[in-house]
Amino acid sequence: RFEAYHRIYLAYQSYRADSAIVYANKCMD
């Protein structure tokens, strides 16, 4: 699950910052 969240974060990172931060926080939690 962590790996999937991280992959989603990377996909959003340079594309949509507000979505990227959601998945970065999911990784943190």
PDB file of all heavy atoms in Angstrom:
ATOM      1  N   ARG A   1       0.840  -1.206   0.000  1.00  0.00           N
ATOM      2  CA  ARG A   1       0.000   0.000   0.000  1.00  0.00           C
ATOM      3  C   ARG A   1       0.873   1.254   0.000  1.00  0.00           C
ATOM      4  O   ARG A   1       0.600   2.213  -0.717  1.00  0.00           O
ATOM      5  CB  ARG A   1      -0.931  -0.001   1.214  1.00  0.00           C
ATOM      6  CG  ARG A   1      -2.037   1.076   1.121  1.00  0.00           C
ATOM      7  CD  ARG A   1      -3.006   0.994   2.288  1.00  0.00           C
ATOM      8  NE  ARG A   1      -3.373  -0.390   2.515  1.00  0.00           N
ATOM      9  CZ  ARG A   1      -3.578  -0.922   3.723  1.00  0.00           C
ATOM     10  NH1 ARG A   1      -3.433  -0.186   4.812  1.00  0.00           N
ATOM     11  NH2 ARG A   1      -3.912  -2.188   3.840  1.00  0.00           N
ATOM     12  N   PHE A   2       1.947   1.236   0.807  1.00  0.00           N
ATOM     13  CA  PHE A   2       2.857   2.387   0.827  1.00  0.00           C
ATOM     14  C   PHE A   2       3.454   2.607  -0.556  1.00  0.00           C
ATOM     15  O   PHE A   2       3.524   3.735  -1.048  1.00  0.00           O
ATOM     16  CB  PHE A   2       3.974   2.175   1.853  1.00  0.00           C
ATOM     17  CG  PHE A   2       4.885   3.366   1.985  1.00  0.00           C
ATOM     18  CD1 PHE A   2       4.631   4.358   2.931  1.00  0.00           C
ATOM     19  CD2 PHE A   2       5.995   3.521   1.154  1.00  0.00           C
ATOM     20  CE1 PHE A   2       5.464   5.472   3.034  1.00  0.00           C
ATOM     21  CE2 PHE A   2       6.824   4.625   1.260  1.00  0.00           C
ATOM     22  CZ  PHE A   2       6.555   5.603   2.200  1.00  0.00           C
ATOM     23  N   GLU A   3       3.887   1.524  -1.198  1.00  0.00           N
ATOM     24  CA  GLU A   3       4.471   1.635  -2.533  1.00  0.00           C
ATOM     25  C   GLU A   3       3.481   2.215  -3.535  1.00  0.00           C
ATOM     26  O   GLU A   3       3.841   3.064  -4.364  1.00  0.00           O
ATOM     27  CB  GLU A   3       4.943   0.254  -3.022  1.00  0.00           C
ATOM     28  CG  GLU A   3       5.663   0.308  -4.355  1.00  0.00           C
ATOM     29  CD  GLU A   3       6.095  -1.058  -4.856  1.00  0.00           C
ATOM     30  OE1 GLU A   3       6.129  -2.015  -4.054  1.00  0.00           O
ATOM     31  OE2 GLU A   3       6.392  -1.157  -6.062  1.00  0.00           O
ATOM     32  N   ALA A   4       2.215   1.796  -3.441  1.00  0.00           N
ATOM     33  CA  ALA A   4       1.189   2.322  -4.350  1.00  0.00           C
ATOM     34  C   ALA A   4       0.953   3.809  -4.098  1.00  0.00           C
ATOM     35  O   ALA A   4       0.878   4.603  -5.040  1.00  0.00           O
ATOM     36  CB  ALA A   4      -0.118   1.547  -4.177  1.00  0.00           C
ATOM     37  N   TYR A   5       0.849   4.191  -2.810  1.00  0.00           N
ATOM     38  CA  TYR A   5       0.662   5.616  -2.476  1.00  0.00           C
ATOM     39  C   TYR A   5       1.827   6.447  -2.996  1.00  0.00           C
ATOM     40  O   TYR A   5       1.637   7.558  -3.513  1.00  0.00           O
ATOM     41  CB  TYR A   5       0.557   5.808  -0.966  1.00  0.00           C
ATOM     42  CG  TYR A   5      -0.746   5.381  -0.335  1.00  0.00           C
ATOM     43  CD1 TYR A   5      -0.824   5.091   1.036  1.00  0.00           C
ATOM     44  CD2 TYR A   5      -1.920   5.276  -1.085  1.00  0.00           C
ATOM     45  CE1 TYR A   5      -2.024   4.711   1.625  1.00  0.00           C
ATOM     46  CE2 TYR A   5      -3.120   4.886  -0.503  1.00  0.00           C
ATOM     47  CZ  TYR A   5      -3.159   4.601   0.855  1.00  0.00           C
ATOM     48  OH  TYR A   5      -4.343   4.224   1.435  1.00  0.00           O
ATOM     49  N   HIS A   6       3.048   5.903  -2.860  1.00  0.00           N
ATOM     50  CA  HIS A   6       4.231   6.642  -3.313  1.00  0.00           C
ATOM     51  C   HIS A   6       4.228   6.793  -4.834  1.00  0.00           C
ATOM     52  O   HIS A   6       4.555   7.866  -5.367  1.00  0.00           O
ATOM     53  CB  HIS A   6       5.498   5.917  -2.860  1.00  0.00           C
ATOM     54  CG  HIS A   6       6.766   6.614  -3.235  1.00  0.00           C
ATOM     55  ND1 HIS A   6       7.060   7.901  -2.824  1.00  0.00           N
ATOM     56  CD2 HIS A   6       7.823   6.222  -4.003  1.00  0.00           C
ATOM     57  CE1 HIS A   6       8.229   8.271  -3.311  1.00  0.00           C
ATOM     58  NE2 HIS A   6       8.711   7.261  -4.028  1.00  0.00           N
ATOM     59  N   ARG A   7       3.822   5.752  -5.541  1.00  0.00           N
ATOM     60  CA  ARG A   7       3.742   5.828  -7.011  1.00  0.00           C
ATOM     61  C   ARG A   7       2.708   6.862  -7.449  1.00  0.00           C
ATOM     62  O   ARG A   7       2.922   7.601  -8.414  1.00  0.00           O
ATOM     63  CB  ARG A   7       3.385   4.461  -7.584  1.00  0.00           C
ATOM     64  CG  ARG A   7       4.558   3.493  -7.640  1.00  0.00           C
ATOM     65  CD  ARG A   7       4.141   2.131  -8.143  1.00  0.00           C
ATOM     66  NE  ARG A   7       3.567   2.196  -9.478  1.00  0.00           N
ATOM     67  CZ  ARG A   7       2.916   1.193 -10.057  1.00  0.00           C
ATOM     68  NH1 ARG A   7       2.741   0.054  -9.414  1.00  0.00           N
ATOM     69  NH2 ARG A   7       2.441   1.326 -11.273  1.00  0.00           N
ATOM     70  N   ILE A   8       1.590   6.920  -6.722  1.00  0.00           N
ATOM     71  CA  ILE A   8       0.554   7.914  -7.056  1.00  0.00           C
ATOM     72  C   ILE A   8       1.086   9.325  -6.778  1.00  0.00           C
ATOM     73  O   ILE A   8       0.881  10.242  -7.585  1.00  0.00           O
ATOM     74  CB  ILE A   8      -0.741   7.645  -6.275  1.00  0.00           C
ATOM     75  CG1 ILE A   8      -1.323   6.274  -6.667  1.00  0.00           C
ATOM     76  CG2 ILE A   8      -1.775   8.746  -6.548  1.00  0.00           C
ATOM     77  CD1 ILE A   8      -2.396   5.761  -5.717  1.00  0.00           C
ATOM     78  N   TYR A   9       1.781   9.480  -5.652  1.00  0.00           N
ATOM     79  CA  TYR A   9       2.397  10.772  -5.346  1.00  0.00           C
ATOM     80  C   TYR A   9       3.328  11.206  -6.483  1.00  0.00           C
ATOM     81  O   TYR A   9       3.272  12.347  -6.948  1.00  0.00           O
ATOM     82  CB  TYR A   9       3.177  10.705  -4.026  1.00  0.00           C
ATOM     83  CG  TYR A   9       4.263  11.743  -3.938  1.00  0.00           C
ATOM     84  CD1 TYR A   9       3.959  13.065  -3.617  1.00  0.00           C
ATOM     85  CD2 TYR A   9       5.597  11.427  -4.243  1.00  0.00           C
ATOM     86  CE1 TYR A   9       4.953  14.042  -3.594  1.00  0.00           C
ATOM     87  CE2 TYR A   9       6.583  12.395  -4.218  1.00  0.00           C
ATOM     88  CZ  TYR A   9       6.249  13.696  -3.896  1.00  0.00           C
ATOM     89  OH  TYR A   9       7.233  14.655  -3.882  1.00  0.00           O
ATOM     90  N   LEU A  10       4.192  10.284  -6.939  1.00  0.00           N
ATOM     91  CA  LEU A  10       5.143  10.618  -8.007  1.00  0.00           C
ATOM     92  C   LEU A  10       4.419  11.004  -9.297  1.00  0.00           C
ATOM     93  O   LEU A  10       4.852  11.915 -10.011  1.00  0.00           O
ATOM     94  CB  LEU A  10       6.078   9.436  -8.267  1.00  0.00           C
ATOM     95  CG  LEU A  10       7.106   9.133  -7.177  1.00  0.00           C
ATOM     96  CD1 LEU A  10       7.858   7.847  -7.502  1.00  0.00           C
ATOM     97  CD2 LEU A  10       8.074  10.291  -6.989  1.00  0.00           C
ATOM     98  N   ALA A  11       3.313  10.319  -9.574  1.00  0.00           N
ATOM     99  CA  ALA A  11       2.550  10.626 -10.790  1.00  0.00           C
ATOM    100  C   ALA A  11       1.941  12.025 -10.728  1.00  0.00           C
ATOM    101  O   ALA A  11       1.784  12.691 -11.750  1.00  0.00           O
ATOM    102  CB  ALA A  11       1.453   9.585 -10.985  1.00  0.00           C
ATOM    103  N   TYR A  12       1.592  12.460  -9.520  1.00  0.00           N
ATOM    104  CA  TYR A  12       0.988  13.793  -9.349  1.00  0.00           C
ATOM    105  C   TYR A  12       2.035  14.892  -9.129  1.00  0.00           C
ATOM    106  O   TYR A  12       1.722  16.079  -9.290  1.00  0.00           O
ATOM    107  CB  TYR A  12       0.051  13.791  -8.141  1.00  0.00           C
ATOM    108  CG  TYR A  12      -1.332  13.243  -8.401  1.00  0.00           C
ATOM    109  CD1 TYR A  12      -1.889  12.270  -7.566  1.00  0.00           C
ATOM    110  CD2 TYR A  12      -2.112  13.715  -9.462  1.00  0.00           C
ATOM    111  CE1 TYR A  12      -3.178  11.783  -7.784  1.00  0.00           C
ATOM    112  CE2 TYR A  12      -3.391  13.230  -9.690  1.00  0.00           C
ATOM    113  CZ  TYR A  12      -3.925  12.268  -8.840  1.00  0.00           C
ATOM    114  OH  TYR A  12      -5.194  11.790  -9.068  1.00  0.00           O
ATOM    115  N   GLN A  13       3.258  14.517  -8.751  1.00  0.00           N
ATOM    116  CA  GLN A  13       4.243  15.480  -8.243  1.00  0.00           C
ATOM    117  C   GLN A  13       4.432  16.702  -9.136  1.00  0.00           C
ATOM    118  O   GLN A  13       4.396  17.840  -8.654  1.00  0.00           O
ATOM    119  CB  GLN A  13       5.587  14.772  -8.036  1.00  0.00           C
ATOM    120  CG  GLN A  13       6.644  15.635  -7.391  1.00  0.00           C
ATOM    121  CD  GLN A  13       8.016  14.983  -7.502  1.00  0.00           C
ATOM    122  OE1 GLN A  13       8.611  14.903  -8.563  1.00  0.00           O
ATOM    123  NE2 GLN A  13       8.517  14.483  -6.387  1.00  0.00           N
ATOM    124  N   SER A  14       4.651  16.498 -10.428  1.00  0.00           N
ATOM    125  CA  SER A  14       4.884  17.637 -11.320  1.00  0.00           C
ATOM    126  C   SER A  14       3.656  17.931 -12.177  1.00  0.00           C
ATOM    127  O   SER A  14       3.756  18.624 -13.184  1.00  0.00           O
ATOM    128  CB  SER A  14       6.089  17.346 -12.229  1.00  0.00           C
ATOM    129  OG  SER A  14       5.839  16.182 -12.976  1.00  0.00           O
ATOM    130  N   TYR A  15       2.525  17.400 -11.740  1.00  0.00           N
ATOM    131  CA  TYR A  15       1.298  17.471 -12.546  1.00  0.00           C
ATOM    132  C   TYR A  15       0.176  18.186 -11.797  1.00  0.00           C
ATOM    133  O   TYR A  15      -0.484  19.056 -12.356  1.00  0.00           O
ATOM    134  CB  TYR A  15       0.900  16.038 -12.920  1.00  0.00           C
ATOM    135  CG  TYR A  15      -0.437  15.860 -13.588  1.00  0.00           C
ATOM    136  CD1 TYR A  15      -0.716  16.468 -14.808  1.00  0.00           C
ATOM    137  CD2 TYR A  15      -1.421  15.061 -13.007  1.00  0.00           C
ATOM    138  CE1 TYR A  15      -1.951  16.288 -15.423  1.00  0.00           C
ATOM    139  CE2 TYR A  15      -2.643  14.864 -13.625  1.00  0.00           C
ATOM    140  CZ  TYR A  15      -2.912  15.479 -14.828  1.00  0.00           C
ATOM    141  OH  TYR A  15      -4.121  15.296 -15.440  1.00  0.00           O
ATOM    142  N   ARG A  16      -0.023  17.800 -10.523  1.00  0.00           N
ATOM    143  CA  ARG A  16      -1.105  18.418  -9.747  1.00  0.00           C
ATOM    144  C   ARG A  16      -0.699  18.404  -8.271  1.00  0.00           C
ATOM    145  O   ARG A  16      -0.837  17.390  -7.587  1.00  0.00           O
ATOM    146  CB  ARG A  16      -2.405  17.648  -9.966  1.00  0.00           C
ATOM    147  CG  ARG A  16      -3.618  18.318  -9.355  1.00  0.00           C
ATOM    148  CD  ARG A  16      -4.891  17.578  -9.712  1.00  0.00           C
ATOM    149  NE  ARG A  16      -5.213  17.676 -11.119  1.00  0.00           N
ATOM    150  CZ  ARG A  16      -6.017  16.815 -11.761  1.00  0.00           C
ATOM    151  NH1 ARG A  16      -6.534  15.797 -11.101  1.00  0.00           N
ATOM    152  NH2 ARG A  16      -6.283  16.990 -13.044  1.00  0.00           N
ATOM    153  N   ALA A  17      -0.209  19.543  -7.774  1.00  0.00           N
ATOM    154  CA  ALA A  17       0.370  19.607  -6.432  1.00  0.00           C
ATOM    155  C   ALA A  17      -0.642  19.299  -5.331  1.00  0.00           C
ATOM    156  O   ALA A  17      -0.299  18.656  -4.335  1.00  0.00           O
ATOM    157  CB  ALA A  17       0.989  20.983  -6.200  1.00  0.00           C
ATOM    158  N   ASP A  18      -1.905  19.751  -5.491  1.00  0.00           N
ATOM    159  CA  ASP A  18      -2.878  19.529  -4.413  1.00  0.00           C
ATOM    160  C   ASP A  18      -3.175  18.042  -4.247  1.00  0.00           C
ATOM    161  O   ASP A  18      -3.418  17.571  -3.126  1.00  0.00           O
ATOM    162  CB  ASP A  18      -4.163  20.330  -4.649  1.00  0.00           C
ATOM    163  CG  ASP A  18      -4.803  20.067  -6.001  1.00  0.00           C
ATOM    164  OD1 ASP A  18      -4.150  19.446  -6.855  1.00  0.00           O
ATOM    165  OD2 ASP A  18      -5.954  20.483  -6.206  1.00  0.00           O
ATOM    166  N   SER A  19      -3.148  17.276  -5.330  1.00  0.00           N
ATOM    167  CA  SER A  19      -3.336  15.824  -5.230  1.00  0.00           C
ATOM    168  C   SER A  19      -2.065  15.149  -4.728  1.00  0.00           C
ATOM    169  O   SER A  19      -2.128  14.178  -3.958  1.00  0.00           O
ATOM    170  CB  SER A  19      -3.721  15.239  -6.586  1.00  0.00           C
ATOM    171  OG  SER A  19      -4.965  15.751  -7.020  1.00  0.00           O
ATOM    172  N   ALA A  20      -0.915  15.649  -5.137  1.00  0.00           N
ATOM    173  CA  ALA A  20       0.363  15.081  -4.686  1.00  0.00           C
ATOM    174  C   ALA A  20       0.484  15.150  -3.173  1.00  0.00           C
ATOM    175  O   ALA A  20       0.912  14.187  -2.525  1.00  0.00           O
ATOM    176  CB  ALA A  20       1.529  15.808  -5.345  1.00  0.00           C
ATOM    177  N   ILE A  21       0.074  16.275  -2.593  1.00  0.00           N
ATOM    178  CA  ILE A  21       0.225  16.431  -1.141  1.00  0.00           C
ATOM    179  C   ILE A  21      -0.703  15.485  -0.385  1.00  0.00           C
ATOM    180  O   ILE A  21      -0.367  14.991   0.697  1.00  0.00           O
ATOM    181  CB  ILE A  21       0.024  17.899  -0.710  1.00  0.00           C
ATOM    182  CG1 ILE A  21       0.690  18.138   0.641  1.00  0.00           C
ATOM    183  CG2 ILE A  21      -1.449  18.296  -0.666  1.00  0.00           C
ATOM    184  CD1 ILE A  21       0.888  19.599   0.969  1.00  0.00           C
ATOM    185  N   VAL A  22      -1.861  15.163  -0.964  1.00  0.00           N
ATOM    186  CA  VAL A  22      -2.780  14.200  -0.342  1.00  0.00           C
ATOM    187  C   VAL A  22      -2.079  12.850  -0.206  1.00  0.00           C
ATOM    188  O   VAL A  22      -2.111  12.209   0.862  1.00  0.00           O
ATOM    189  CB  VAL A  22      -4.074  14.049  -1.176  1.00  0.00           C
ATOM    190  CG1 VAL A  22      -4.884  12.845  -0.694  1.00  0.00           C
ATOM    191  CG2 VAL A  22      -4.916  15.315  -1.083  1.00  0.00           C
ATOM    192  N   TYR A  23      -1.411  12.417  -1.265  1.00  0.00           N
ATOM    193  CA  TYR A  23      -0.772  11.092  -1.239  1.00  0.00           C
ATOM    194  C   TYR A  23       0.555  11.104  -0.484  1.00  0.00           C
ATOM    195  O   TYR A  23       0.955  10.086   0.092  1.00  0.00           O
ATOM    196  CB  TYR A  23      -0.648  10.538  -2.656  1.00  0.00           C
ATOM    197  CG  TYR A  23      -1.980   9.991  -3.096  1.00  0.00           C
ATOM    198  CD1 TYR A  23      -2.913  10.804  -3.738  1.00  0.00           C
ATOM    199  CD2 TYR A  23      -2.348   8.694  -2.780  1.00  0.00           C
ATOM    200  CE1 TYR A  23      -4.170  10.323  -4.083  1.00  0.00           C
ATOM    201  CE2 TYR A  23      -3.597   8.199  -3.127  1.00  0.00           C
ATOM    202  CZ  TYR A  23      -4.504   9.020  -3.776  1.00  0.00           C
ATOM    203  OH  TYR A  23      -5.752   8.532  -4.090  1.00  0.00           O
ATOM    204  N   ALA A  24       1.231  12.238  -0.435  1.00  0.00           N
ATOM    205  CA  ALA A  24       2.411  12.350   0.424  1.00  0.00           C
ATOM    206  C   ALA A  24       2.004  12.201   1.886  1.00  0.00           C
ATOM    207  O   ALA A  24       2.695  11.542   2.675  1.00  0.00           O
ATOM    208  CB  ALA A  24       3.102  13.687   0.192  1.00  0.00           C
ATOM    209  N   ASN A  25       0.865  12.801   2.260  1.00  0.00           N
ATOM    210  CA  ASN A  25       0.373  12.674   3.631  1.00  0.00           C
ATOM    211  C   ASN A  25      -0.121  11.266   3.925  1.00  0.00           C
ATOM    212  O   ASN A  25       0.040  10.756   5.047  1.00  0.00           O
ATOM    213  CB  ASN A  25      -0.734  13.700   3.894  1.00  0.00           C
ATOM    214  CG  ASN A  25      -0.181  15.073   4.210  1.00  0.00           C
ATOM    215  OD1 ASN A  25       0.750  15.209   5.009  1.00  0.00           O
ATOM    216  ND2 ASN A  25      -0.728  16.104   3.590  1.00  0.00           N
ATOM    217  N   LYS A  26      -0.726  10.590   2.938  1.00  0.00           N
ATOM    218  CA  LYS A  26      -1.119   9.189   3.117  1.00  0.00           C
ATOM    219  C   LYS A  26       0.119   8.326   3.394  1.00  0.00           C
ATOM    220  O   LYS A  26       0.092   7.429   4.242  1.00  0.00           O
ATOM    221  CB  LYS A  26      -1.854   8.677   1.874  1.00  0.00           C
ATOM    222  CG  LYS A  26      -3.307   9.138   1.746  1.00  0.00           C
ATOM    223  CD  LYS A  26      -3.931   8.564   0.467  1.00  0.00           C
ATOM    224  CE  LYS A  26      -5.351   9.047   0.261  1.00  0.00           C
ATOM    225  NZ  LYS A  26      -6.320   8.390   1.147  1.00  0.00           N
ATOM    226  N   CYS A  27       1.187   8.597   2.651  1.00  0.00           N
ATOM    227  CA  CYS A  27       2.447   7.882   2.893  1.00  0.00           C
ATOM    228  C   CYS A  27       2.946   8.128   4.318  1.00  0.00           C
ATOM    229  O   CYS A  27       3.388   7.193   5.002  1.00  0.00           O
ATOM    230  CB  CYS A  27       3.514   8.342   1.895  1.00  0.00           C
ATOM    231  SG  CYS A  27       3.292   7.732   0.211  1.00  0.00           S
ATOM    232  N   MET A  28       2.874   9.388   4.751  1.00  0.00           N
ATOM    233  CA  MET A  28       3.343   9.737   6.092  1.00  0.00           C
ATOM    234  C   MET A  28       2.525   9.018   7.167  1.00  0.00           C
ATOM    235  O   MET A  28       3.074   8.424   8.110  1.00  0.00           O
ATOM    236  CB  MET A  28       3.268  11.255   6.303  1.00  0.00           C
ATOM    237  CG  MET A  28       3.674  11.716   7.690  1.00  0.00           C
ATOM    238  SD  MET A  28       5.413  11.372   8.046  1.00  0.00           S
ATOM    239  CE  MET A  28       6.180  12.750   7.213  1.00  0.00           C
ATOM    240  N   ASP A  29       1.204   9.043   7.044  1.00  0.00           N
ATOM    241  CA  ASP A  29       0.339   8.391   8.029  1.00  0.00           C
ATOM    242  C   ASP A  29       0.613   6.896   8.093  1.00  0.00           C
ATOM    243  O   ASP A  29       0.693   6.308   9.184  1.00  0.00           O
ATOM    244  CB  ASP A  29      -1.139   8.640   7.692  1.00  0.00           C
ATOM    245  CG  ASP A  29      -1.541  10.100   7.861  1.00  0.00           C
ATOM    246  OD1 ASP A  29      -0.814  10.837   8.561  1.00  0.00           O
ATOM    247  OD2 ASP A  29      -2.567  10.499   7.284  1.00  0.00           O
TER     248      ASP A  29
END
